[in-house]
Protein backbone atom coordinates (compact mmCIF):
# COMPACT_ATOMS: atom_id res chain seq x y z
CA MET A 1 -323.18 -120.26 92.03
CA HIS A 2 -325.48 -123.24 92.79
CA LYS A 3 -326.61 -123.23 96.48
CA ASN A 4 -324.82 -126.62 97.19
CA ALA A 5 -321.57 -125.15 95.69
CA LYS A 6 -322.05 -122.08 97.88
CA ALA A 7 -322.55 -124.17 100.88
CA GLU A 8 -319.41 -126.21 100.25
CA PHE A 9 -317.44 -123.09 99.53
CA PHE A 10 -318.60 -121.59 102.86
CA SER A 11 -317.83 -124.85 104.58
CA TYR A 12 -314.37 -124.88 103.02
CA LEU A 13 -313.67 -121.23 104.08
CA CYS A 14 -314.94 -121.88 107.71
CA THR A 15 -312.79 -125.21 107.95
CA ASN A 16 -309.74 -123.38 106.48
CA LYS A 17 -310.03 -120.52 109.00
CA GLN A 18 -310.41 -122.95 111.78
CA ASN A 19 -307.35 -124.66 110.52
CA GLN A 20 -305.30 -121.51 110.54
CA MET A 21 -306.40 -120.69 114.04
CA VAL A 22 -305.50 -124.11 115.27
CA LYS A 23 -302.07 -123.80 113.58
CA LYS A 24 -301.27 -120.61 115.18
CA MET A 25 -302.28 -121.61 118.70
CA LYS A 26 -300.01 -123.19 121.12
CA TYR A 27 -301.48 -126.07 123.48
CA ASN A 28 -300.75 -127.36 126.72
CA PRO A 29 -299.88 -131.05 126.08
CA GLU A 30 -301.24 -131.99 129.40
CA THR A 31 -304.86 -130.86 128.60
CA PHE A 32 -305.02 -129.68 125.07
CA GLU A 33 -307.56 -127.12 126.56
CA GLY A 34 -309.01 -125.19 123.56
CA LEU A 35 -309.49 -128.06 121.20
CA THR A 36 -313.22 -128.71 120.26
CA GLN A 37 -312.87 -131.43 117.89
CA PRO A 38 -311.29 -134.87 118.02
CA TYR A 39 -307.59 -135.08 117.11
CA TYR A 40 -304.89 -137.75 116.90
CA ILE A 41 -301.85 -135.82 117.99
CA ILE A 42 -298.32 -137.06 117.47
CA GLU A 43 -295.92 -135.22 119.86
CA GLU A 44 -292.48 -134.45 118.08
CA PRO A 45 -290.38 -134.66 121.15
CA LEU A 46 -291.72 -138.11 122.04
CA LEU A 47 -291.37 -139.52 118.47
CA ARG A 48 -287.83 -138.16 118.27
CA ARG A 49 -287.04 -139.94 121.69
CA ASN A 50 -288.20 -143.29 120.25
CA LEU A 51 -286.26 -142.76 116.92
CA GLN A 52 -283.01 -141.93 119.01
CA LEU A 53 -283.30 -145.08 120.94
CA ILE A 54 -284.00 -147.30 117.89
CA SER A 55 -281.15 -145.52 116.06
CA LYS A 56 -278.83 -146.26 119.13
CA VAL A 57 -279.89 -150.08 119.00
CA ALA A 58 -279.18 -150.42 115.37
CA HIS A 59 -275.80 -148.73 115.64
CA GLU A 60 -274.64 -150.50 118.76
CA ALA A 61 -275.83 -153.91 117.62
CA GLY A 62 -274.82 -153.56 114.09
CA VAL A 63 -278.16 -154.22 112.58
CA GLU A 64 -280.64 -152.49 110.41
CA ILE A 65 -283.93 -151.47 112.00
CA ILE A 66 -286.69 -150.42 109.60
CA LEU A 67 -290.33 -149.07 110.01
CA ALA A 68 -293.30 -151.37 109.55
CA PHE A 69 -296.05 -149.28 107.95
CA LYS A 70 -298.74 -151.81 109.15
CA ALA A 71 -298.26 -150.14 112.37
CA PHE A 72 -297.52 -146.46 111.58
CA ALA A 73 -297.67 -144.73 108.16
CA LEU A 74 -298.27 -141.11 108.83
CA TRP A 75 -296.15 -140.04 105.78
CA LYS A 76 -296.10 -136.47 106.68
CA THR A 77 -293.74 -137.30 109.49
CA PHE A 78 -291.37 -139.14 107.25
CA PRO A 79 -288.75 -136.26 107.04
CA ILE A 80 -288.32 -136.77 110.85
CA PHE A 81 -287.83 -140.53 110.33
CA ARG A 82 -285.43 -140.09 107.55
CA GLU A 83 -283.04 -138.36 110.04
CA TYR A 84 -282.77 -141.84 112.00
CA ILE A 85 -283.57 -144.69 109.61
CA HIS A 86 -283.12 -145.38 105.85
CA ALA A 87 -285.83 -148.05 104.99
CA THR A 88 -289.30 -149.27 105.49
CA THR A 89 -291.16 -152.55 105.11
CA ALA A 90 -294.45 -152.98 103.41
CA SER A 91 -297.24 -155.70 103.31
CA SER A 92 -299.25 -154.55 100.15
CA LEU A 93 -298.96 -152.55 96.92
CA SER A 94 -300.11 -149.31 98.58
CA GLU A 95 -297.42 -149.74 101.33
CA ALA A 96 -294.87 -150.34 98.81
CA LEU A 97 -295.88 -147.31 96.66
CA LEU A 98 -295.77 -145.30 99.95
CA ALA A 99 -292.11 -146.38 100.70
CA ASP A 100 -290.96 -145.75 97.16
CA ARG A 101 -292.70 -142.32 96.65
CA GLU A 102 -293.03 -140.93 100.03
CA PHE A 103 -290.31 -142.27 102.08
CA GLY A 104 -287.79 -142.21 99.26
CA SER A 105 -286.43 -145.65 99.42
CA LYS A 106 -287.75 -149.17 98.02
CA ALA A 107 -289.57 -151.34 100.65
CA HIS A 108 -288.73 -154.65 102.19
CA THR A 109 -291.99 -156.31 101.15
CA PHE A 110 -293.75 -159.29 102.49
CA SER A 111 -297.39 -160.41 101.63
CA PRO A 112 -299.08 -163.79 102.37
CA ALA A 113 -300.64 -163.50 99.11
CA TYR A 114 -299.14 -161.69 95.97
CA THR A 115 -301.51 -161.32 93.00
CA ASP A 116 -301.21 -161.38 89.28
CA TYR A 117 -302.66 -157.78 88.95
CA GLU A 118 -300.21 -156.39 91.61
CA ILE A 119 -296.94 -158.24 91.64
CA ASP A 120 -295.20 -156.33 88.71
CA GLU A 121 -295.56 -152.97 90.52
CA ILE A 122 -294.74 -154.40 94.00
CA ALA A 123 -291.55 -155.68 92.60
CA ARG A 124 -290.59 -152.42 90.95
CA CYS A 125 -291.12 -150.47 94.45
CA SER A 126 -289.34 -153.19 96.47
CA SER A 127 -285.57 -153.86 97.37
CA HIS A 128 -286.49 -157.04 99.19
CA LEU A 129 -289.38 -159.47 98.26
CA THR A 130 -290.29 -162.24 100.79
CA PHE A 131 -292.56 -164.97 99.76
CA ASN A 132 -294.92 -166.60 102.18
CA SER A 133 -294.66 -170.11 100.49
CA LEU A 134 -292.68 -172.13 98.10
CA SER A 135 -295.64 -172.05 95.76
CA GLN A 136 -295.80 -168.25 95.70
CA TYR A 137 -292.14 -168.12 95.09
CA GLU A 138 -292.30 -170.45 92.05
CA ARG A 139 -295.45 -168.64 90.68
CA TYR A 140 -293.91 -165.22 90.77
CA ARG A 141 -290.15 -165.34 90.93
CA GLN A 142 -289.47 -164.88 87.24
CA ARG A 143 -292.15 -162.33 86.67
CA ALA A 144 -290.88 -160.28 89.74
CA ARG A 145 -287.32 -160.52 88.45
CA GLN A 146 -288.29 -159.24 84.95
CA ALA A 147 -289.96 -156.21 86.65
CA ASN A 148 -286.93 -155.57 89.02
CA PRO A 149 -283.76 -157.37 88.32
CA HIS A 150 -282.14 -156.11 91.48
CA LEU A 151 -284.57 -157.81 93.97
CA SER A 152 -283.39 -159.79 97.03
CA TYR A 153 -285.60 -162.73 97.55
CA GLY A 154 -286.47 -164.23 100.89
CA LEU A 155 -288.79 -166.89 102.39
CA ARG A 156 -290.89 -166.35 105.50
CA VAL A 157 -290.21 -169.27 107.86
CA ASN A 158 -292.21 -170.40 110.79
CA PRO A 159 -290.31 -171.65 113.94
CA GLU A 160 -293.49 -172.92 115.39
CA TYR A 161 -292.91 -171.09 118.52
CA SER A 162 -294.43 -167.93 119.86
CA GLU A 163 -295.23 -166.58 123.23
CA VAL A 164 -298.00 -164.34 121.90
CA GLU A 165 -300.93 -165.29 123.95
CA THR A 166 -303.92 -163.64 122.00
CA LEU A 167 -304.49 -165.98 119.05
CA LEU A 168 -305.69 -163.13 116.99
CA TYR A 169 -301.98 -161.75 116.99
CA ASN A 170 -300.07 -165.10 117.19
CA PRO A 171 -298.66 -165.83 113.80
CA CYS A 172 -297.25 -169.20 114.79
CA ALA A 173 -300.43 -170.64 116.20
CA PRO A 174 -301.32 -174.16 114.96
CA GLY A 175 -302.87 -173.98 111.43
CA THR A 176 -301.13 -170.73 110.72
CA ARG A 177 -301.25 -169.32 107.28
CA PHE A 178 -297.80 -167.64 107.70
CA GLY A 179 -294.38 -169.09 106.73
CA VAL A 180 -292.74 -172.37 105.75
CA SER A 181 -291.94 -174.77 108.63
CA ALA A 182 -288.47 -176.46 108.65
CA ASP A 183 -289.88 -179.84 107.50
CA LYS A 184 -290.96 -178.30 104.23
CA LEU A 185 -287.81 -176.61 103.15
CA PRO A 186 -285.37 -178.35 100.64
CA ALA A 187 -281.90 -179.16 101.78
CA GLU A 188 -280.59 -176.81 99.21
CA LEU A 189 -282.63 -173.57 98.68
CA PRO A 190 -283.14 -172.03 95.42
CA ALA A 191 -280.07 -170.01 94.30
CA ASP A 192 -281.90 -166.80 94.33
CA VAL A 193 -283.23 -167.03 97.82
CA GLU A 194 -281.11 -164.78 99.93
CA GLY A 195 -282.89 -164.28 103.24
CA PHE A 196 -285.16 -165.72 105.69
CA HIS A 197 -288.01 -163.56 107.46
CA CYS A 198 -289.30 -164.75 110.74
CA HIS A 199 -291.91 -162.86 112.64
CA CYS A 200 -293.39 -164.30 115.82
CA HIS A 201 -293.68 -161.45 118.37
CA CYS A 202 -296.11 -158.74 119.50
CA GLU A 203 -295.34 -156.16 121.90
CA SER A 204 -292.66 -158.55 123.26
CA GLY A 205 -289.64 -157.97 125.50
CA ALA A 206 -286.04 -158.90 124.89
CA ASP A 207 -286.36 -161.94 127.07
CA VAL A 208 -289.05 -163.30 124.71
CA PHE A 209 -286.65 -162.80 121.68
CA GLN A 210 -283.87 -164.55 123.69
CA ARG A 211 -286.09 -167.57 124.01
CA THR A 212 -287.46 -167.63 120.58
CA LEU A 213 -283.99 -167.11 119.16
CA VAL A 214 -283.14 -170.62 120.43
CA HIS A 215 -286.04 -172.13 118.35
CA ILE A 216 -285.18 -170.15 115.28
CA GLU A 217 -281.43 -171.40 115.41
CA GLU A 218 -282.47 -175.01 116.22
CA LYS A 219 -285.01 -175.10 113.31
CA PHE A 220 -283.14 -173.06 110.56
CA SER A 221 -279.47 -172.48 111.25
CA ARG A 222 -278.58 -175.39 108.86
CA TRP A 223 -279.56 -173.04 106.07
CA PHE A 224 -277.93 -169.95 107.30
CA PRO A 225 -274.68 -170.50 105.27
CA GLN A 226 -276.84 -170.38 102.14
CA LEU A 227 -278.35 -166.93 103.17
CA LYS A 228 -277.13 -163.28 103.00
CA TRP A 229 -279.84 -161.72 105.42
CA ILE A 230 -282.27 -162.63 108.20
CA ASN A 231 -285.25 -160.49 109.24
CA PHE A 232 -286.44 -161.03 112.75
CA GLY A 233 -289.71 -159.23 111.89
CA GLY A 234 -291.57 -156.99 114.23
CA GLY A 235 -293.10 -156.94 117.81
CA HIS A 236 -289.86 -156.08 119.47
CA LEU A 237 -291.13 -153.17 121.73
CA MET A 238 -287.74 -151.71 122.52
CA THR A 239 -289.24 -148.38 123.33
CA ARG A 240 -291.30 -149.54 126.24
CA LYS A 241 -290.16 -148.23 129.55
CA ASP A 242 -289.29 -151.62 131.01
CA TYR A 243 -287.81 -153.08 127.89
CA ASP A 244 -284.29 -154.55 128.32
CA VAL A 245 -282.33 -152.68 125.64
CA ASP A 246 -278.91 -153.93 126.73
CA LEU A 247 -280.10 -157.63 126.57
CA LEU A 248 -281.36 -156.92 123.05
CA ILE A 249 -278.10 -155.32 121.95
CA ARG A 250 -276.26 -158.36 123.51
CA LEU A 251 -278.29 -160.93 121.69
CA LEU A 252 -278.08 -159.38 118.40
CA LYS A 253 -274.21 -158.89 118.71
CA ASP A 254 -273.81 -162.53 119.93
CA PHE A 255 -275.92 -163.72 116.91
CA ARG A 256 -273.90 -161.67 114.41
CA SER A 257 -270.74 -163.09 115.97
CA ARG A 258 -271.97 -166.56 115.33
CA TYR A 259 -273.14 -165.73 111.64
CA PRO A 260 -270.97 -162.77 110.72
CA HIS A 261 -271.97 -163.00 107.10
CA LEU A 262 -275.66 -162.49 107.76
CA GLN A 263 -277.17 -158.97 107.61
CA VAL A 264 -279.57 -158.67 110.45
CA ILE A 265 -282.92 -156.74 109.81
CA MET A 266 -285.67 -155.91 112.31
CA GLU A 267 -288.99 -154.23 111.45
CA PRO A 268 -290.93 -153.05 114.40
CA GLY A 269 -293.90 -151.00 114.00
CA SER A 270 -295.29 -150.12 117.52
CA ALA A 271 -291.85 -149.49 118.89
CA PHE A 272 -291.63 -146.34 116.66
CA GLY A 273 -295.02 -144.92 117.49
CA TRP A 274 -295.29 -146.24 121.07
CA GLN A 275 -296.49 -143.60 123.51
CA THR A 276 -295.92 -140.66 120.91
CA GLY A 277 -299.23 -139.07 121.42
CA PRO A 278 -302.99 -139.29 122.39
CA LEU A 279 -306.29 -139.22 120.81
CA VAL A 280 -308.16 -136.13 122.06
CA SER A 281 -311.90 -136.36 122.23
CA GLN A 282 -314.69 -134.39 123.80
CA VAL A 283 -317.85 -135.35 125.84
CA VAL A 284 -320.89 -134.55 123.96
CA ASP A 285 -323.51 -136.21 126.30
CA VAL A 286 -324.01 -138.27 129.40
CA VAL A 287 -326.73 -140.65 129.64
CA SER A 288 -327.87 -143.14 132.33
CA ASP A 289 -329.39 -146.69 132.44
CA LYS A 290 -329.82 -149.35 135.07
CA GLY A 291 -327.22 -147.47 137.17
CA ILE A 292 -324.67 -147.03 134.50
CA ARG A 293 -323.62 -143.66 133.42
CA THR A 294 -322.15 -143.35 129.96
CA ALA A 295 -320.20 -140.41 128.86
CA ILE A 296 -320.87 -140.33 125.01
CA LEU A 297 -317.75 -138.95 123.00
CA ASN A 298 -317.21 -137.70 119.53
CA VAL A 299 -314.98 -140.51 118.66
CA SER A 300 -315.70 -144.18 118.20
CA PHE A 301 -313.93 -147.36 119.58
CA THR A 302 -315.01 -149.26 116.60
CA CYS A 303 -313.98 -146.75 114.08
CA HIS A 304 -311.05 -144.88 115.64
CA MET A 305 -309.61 -147.26 118.28
CA PRO A 306 -310.42 -150.66 116.85
CA ASP A 307 -307.57 -152.64 118.73
CA CYS A 308 -309.34 -151.79 121.91
CA LEU A 309 -312.23 -154.08 120.88
CA GLU A 310 -310.13 -156.56 118.85
CA MET A 311 -307.38 -157.50 121.24
CA PRO A 312 -309.24 -156.36 123.67
CA TYR A 313 -307.60 -153.92 126.05
CA PHE A 314 -308.61 -151.01 128.07
CA PRO A 315 -306.65 -147.94 127.09
CA ASN A 316 -305.27 -145.44 129.69
CA VAL A 317 -307.35 -142.42 129.99
CA ARG A 318 -305.65 -139.35 131.21
CA GLY A 319 -306.87 -138.20 134.64
CA ALA A 320 -308.91 -141.36 135.22
CA ARG A 321 -308.35 -145.12 136.36
CA HIS A 322 -309.95 -148.12 134.96
CA VAL A 323 -312.30 -150.17 137.30
CA ASP A 324 -314.02 -153.41 137.00
CA GLN A 325 -317.37 -152.32 137.99
CA PRO A 326 -319.45 -149.05 138.09
CA SER A 327 -318.87 -147.38 141.53
CA GLY A 328 -321.21 -144.36 141.30
CA GLY A 329 -320.03 -140.85 141.76
CA SER A 330 -317.67 -139.88 138.92
CA CYS A 331 -317.50 -143.26 137.35
CA TYR A 332 -318.26 -143.46 133.76
CA ARG A 333 -318.53 -145.97 130.88
CA LEU A 334 -317.04 -144.38 127.80
CA GLY A 335 -319.40 -144.70 124.75
CA GLY A 336 -318.51 -143.93 121.08
CA ASN A 337 -320.69 -142.07 118.64
CA SER A 338 -321.40 -144.75 116.20
CA CYS A 339 -324.63 -146.68 115.78
CA LEU A 340 -322.91 -150.06 116.67
CA SER A 341 -324.58 -151.15 119.99
CA GLY A 342 -321.29 -152.44 121.45
CA ASP A 343 -319.28 -149.19 120.69
CA TYR A 344 -318.42 -148.60 124.27
CA MET A 345 -315.97 -149.74 127.03
CA GLY A 346 -316.07 -149.24 130.74
CA TYR A 347 -315.59 -148.15 133.43
CA TRP A 348 -313.30 -145.29 134.36
CA GLN A 349 -313.23 -143.46 137.60
CA PHE A 350 -312.54 -139.76 137.23
CA ASP A 351 -311.79 -137.24 139.90
CA HIS A 352 -314.67 -134.85 138.98
CA GLU A 353 -318.03 -135.02 137.24
CA LEU A 354 -317.59 -134.79 133.47
CA GLN A 355 -319.07 -131.87 131.63
CA VAL A 356 -320.34 -131.58 128.09
CA GLY A 357 -317.41 -130.16 125.91
CA GLU A 358 -314.60 -131.18 128.18
CA ASN A 359 -311.61 -133.32 126.82
CA VAL A 360 -311.21 -136.91 127.37
CA ILE A 361 -307.68 -137.90 126.37
CA PHE A 362 -307.00 -141.48 125.34
CA GLU A 363 -303.12 -142.25 125.73
CA ASP A 364 -300.94 -143.80 123.22
CA MET A 365 -303.15 -143.87 120.31
CA LEU A 366 -300.87 -143.43 117.29
CA HIS A 367 -299.55 -146.96 116.49
CA TYR A 368 -301.98 -149.51 115.01
CA THR A 369 -304.74 -146.98 115.14
CA THR A 370 -304.38 -144.26 112.56
CA VAL A 371 -303.63 -146.99 109.97
CA LYS A 372 -306.75 -149.05 111.01
CA THR A 373 -309.38 -146.44 111.25
CA CYS A 374 -312.58 -146.73 109.20
CA MET A 375 -315.53 -144.44 108.39
CA PHE A 376 -318.32 -146.66 109.40
CA ASN A 377 -321.59 -144.83 109.81
CA GLY A 378 -319.86 -141.79 108.17
CA ILE A 379 -319.17 -140.41 111.55
CA SER A 380 -316.70 -137.38 111.63
CA HIS A 381 -313.19 -138.66 111.61
CA PRO A 382 -310.62 -137.18 113.88
CA SER A 383 -308.00 -135.12 112.37
CA ILE A 384 -304.31 -135.66 112.66
CA ALA A 385 -301.75 -133.15 114.03
CA LEU A 386 -298.20 -132.85 114.91
CA LEU A 387 -297.31 -131.10 118.26
CA HIS A 388 -294.00 -129.46 117.56
CA ASN A 389 -291.35 -128.87 120.42
CA ASP A 390 -292.51 -125.27 120.83
CA GLY A 391 -296.15 -126.37 121.50
CA GLU A 392 -297.52 -125.28 118.25
CA LEU A 393 -299.92 -127.71 116.63
CA GLU A 394 -299.51 -128.36 112.80
CA ILE A 395 -302.47 -129.84 111.17
CA LEU A 396 -301.32 -132.82 108.98
CA ARG A 397 -304.79 -134.07 107.88
CA LYS A 398 -308.44 -133.08 108.26
CA TYR A 399 -311.37 -135.20 107.01
CA GLY A 400 -314.67 -134.29 105.64
CA TYR A 401 -317.57 -135.45 103.56
CA GLU A 402 -315.53 -135.94 100.48
CA ASP A 403 -313.20 -138.49 102.22
CA TYR A 404 -316.24 -140.34 103.08
CA LYS A 405 -317.90 -140.17 99.83
CA ASN A 406 -314.82 -141.32 97.92
CA ARG A 407 -314.50 -144.52 99.81
CA MET A 408 -317.92 -145.12 98.38
CA ASP A 409 -316.80 -144.75 94.70
């Protein structure tokens, strides 16, 4: 056996042995003591809690709530999801394929830009196909119908109102590339357009939906008699602790009473994965410069927690509190392990001096994280694990050199 092959085989055996050891161990979900490598950990009881609430809303309000893959797409958890929901939403060919092949139902698909080389397969994997513009509809309506005669067509519309303050996440900001405004719609919609899709929220409350709904009806209700369904998109953070679930249910029931012929669809992503588990990392070094102490971790903000830098926001760190300025003592800036100079955030006050090897746990790191990670710098990628009700940790995915190399193919 070639020496490289021997090395790879030995590495495989060691990794497989470690996987089995981790699988057999039970962990304290408060500390995850015993883990020595980074893990995204989804906690089954917390996931089921969210799914139960979402299922309750759907049932009591008489609407369909589906999972948006753009926020959460851990397909090995789909058997759990299928106990509570029956469909998903896709924004690309790969997501549509994931819906069809792994979730087991065709996708509600929207993309701002369908392409000649993907539209046929997207259509075959979809039950609903929403177009971002009238020109995209005209270009692909016949071709998509030939690929799948059973498609239900929709148009994304822009109510020109959104309370999302961060422009990066505001789909209704001036100059938006999303959706058709009311002044651009014909009085009579094309006969095969059966639905409207309207997305203008981001981690929003029911009160925001209440105010937004006024604008949606003012702008578009004249077309409602021509439709069969309306999709209110994502961003409805109904699993957040302070979310007014009862208000949401009332709003949806009232809307349905006004338009009883319309099927109402919602497609949150964050709500499903909200506070369902952390990213567990370890301290690998502590360095100091100009009075700033940085705890260097074996994870990266730019690679593994990109929304922290994009939004930006300071994540909650278990056992620590965020502070505005370094305050000495056990106060640390947290640094990633990539070569990007700005791969850090700060500052957090701990109740003790951090030691090399101890866990630093970032809360709520499943939604919009595992779907957005990258392998910049080729740094080691966190594994993904499912923590079962009995405390046993099941490894869903580990990453290695082959994963990095294959991205460069």
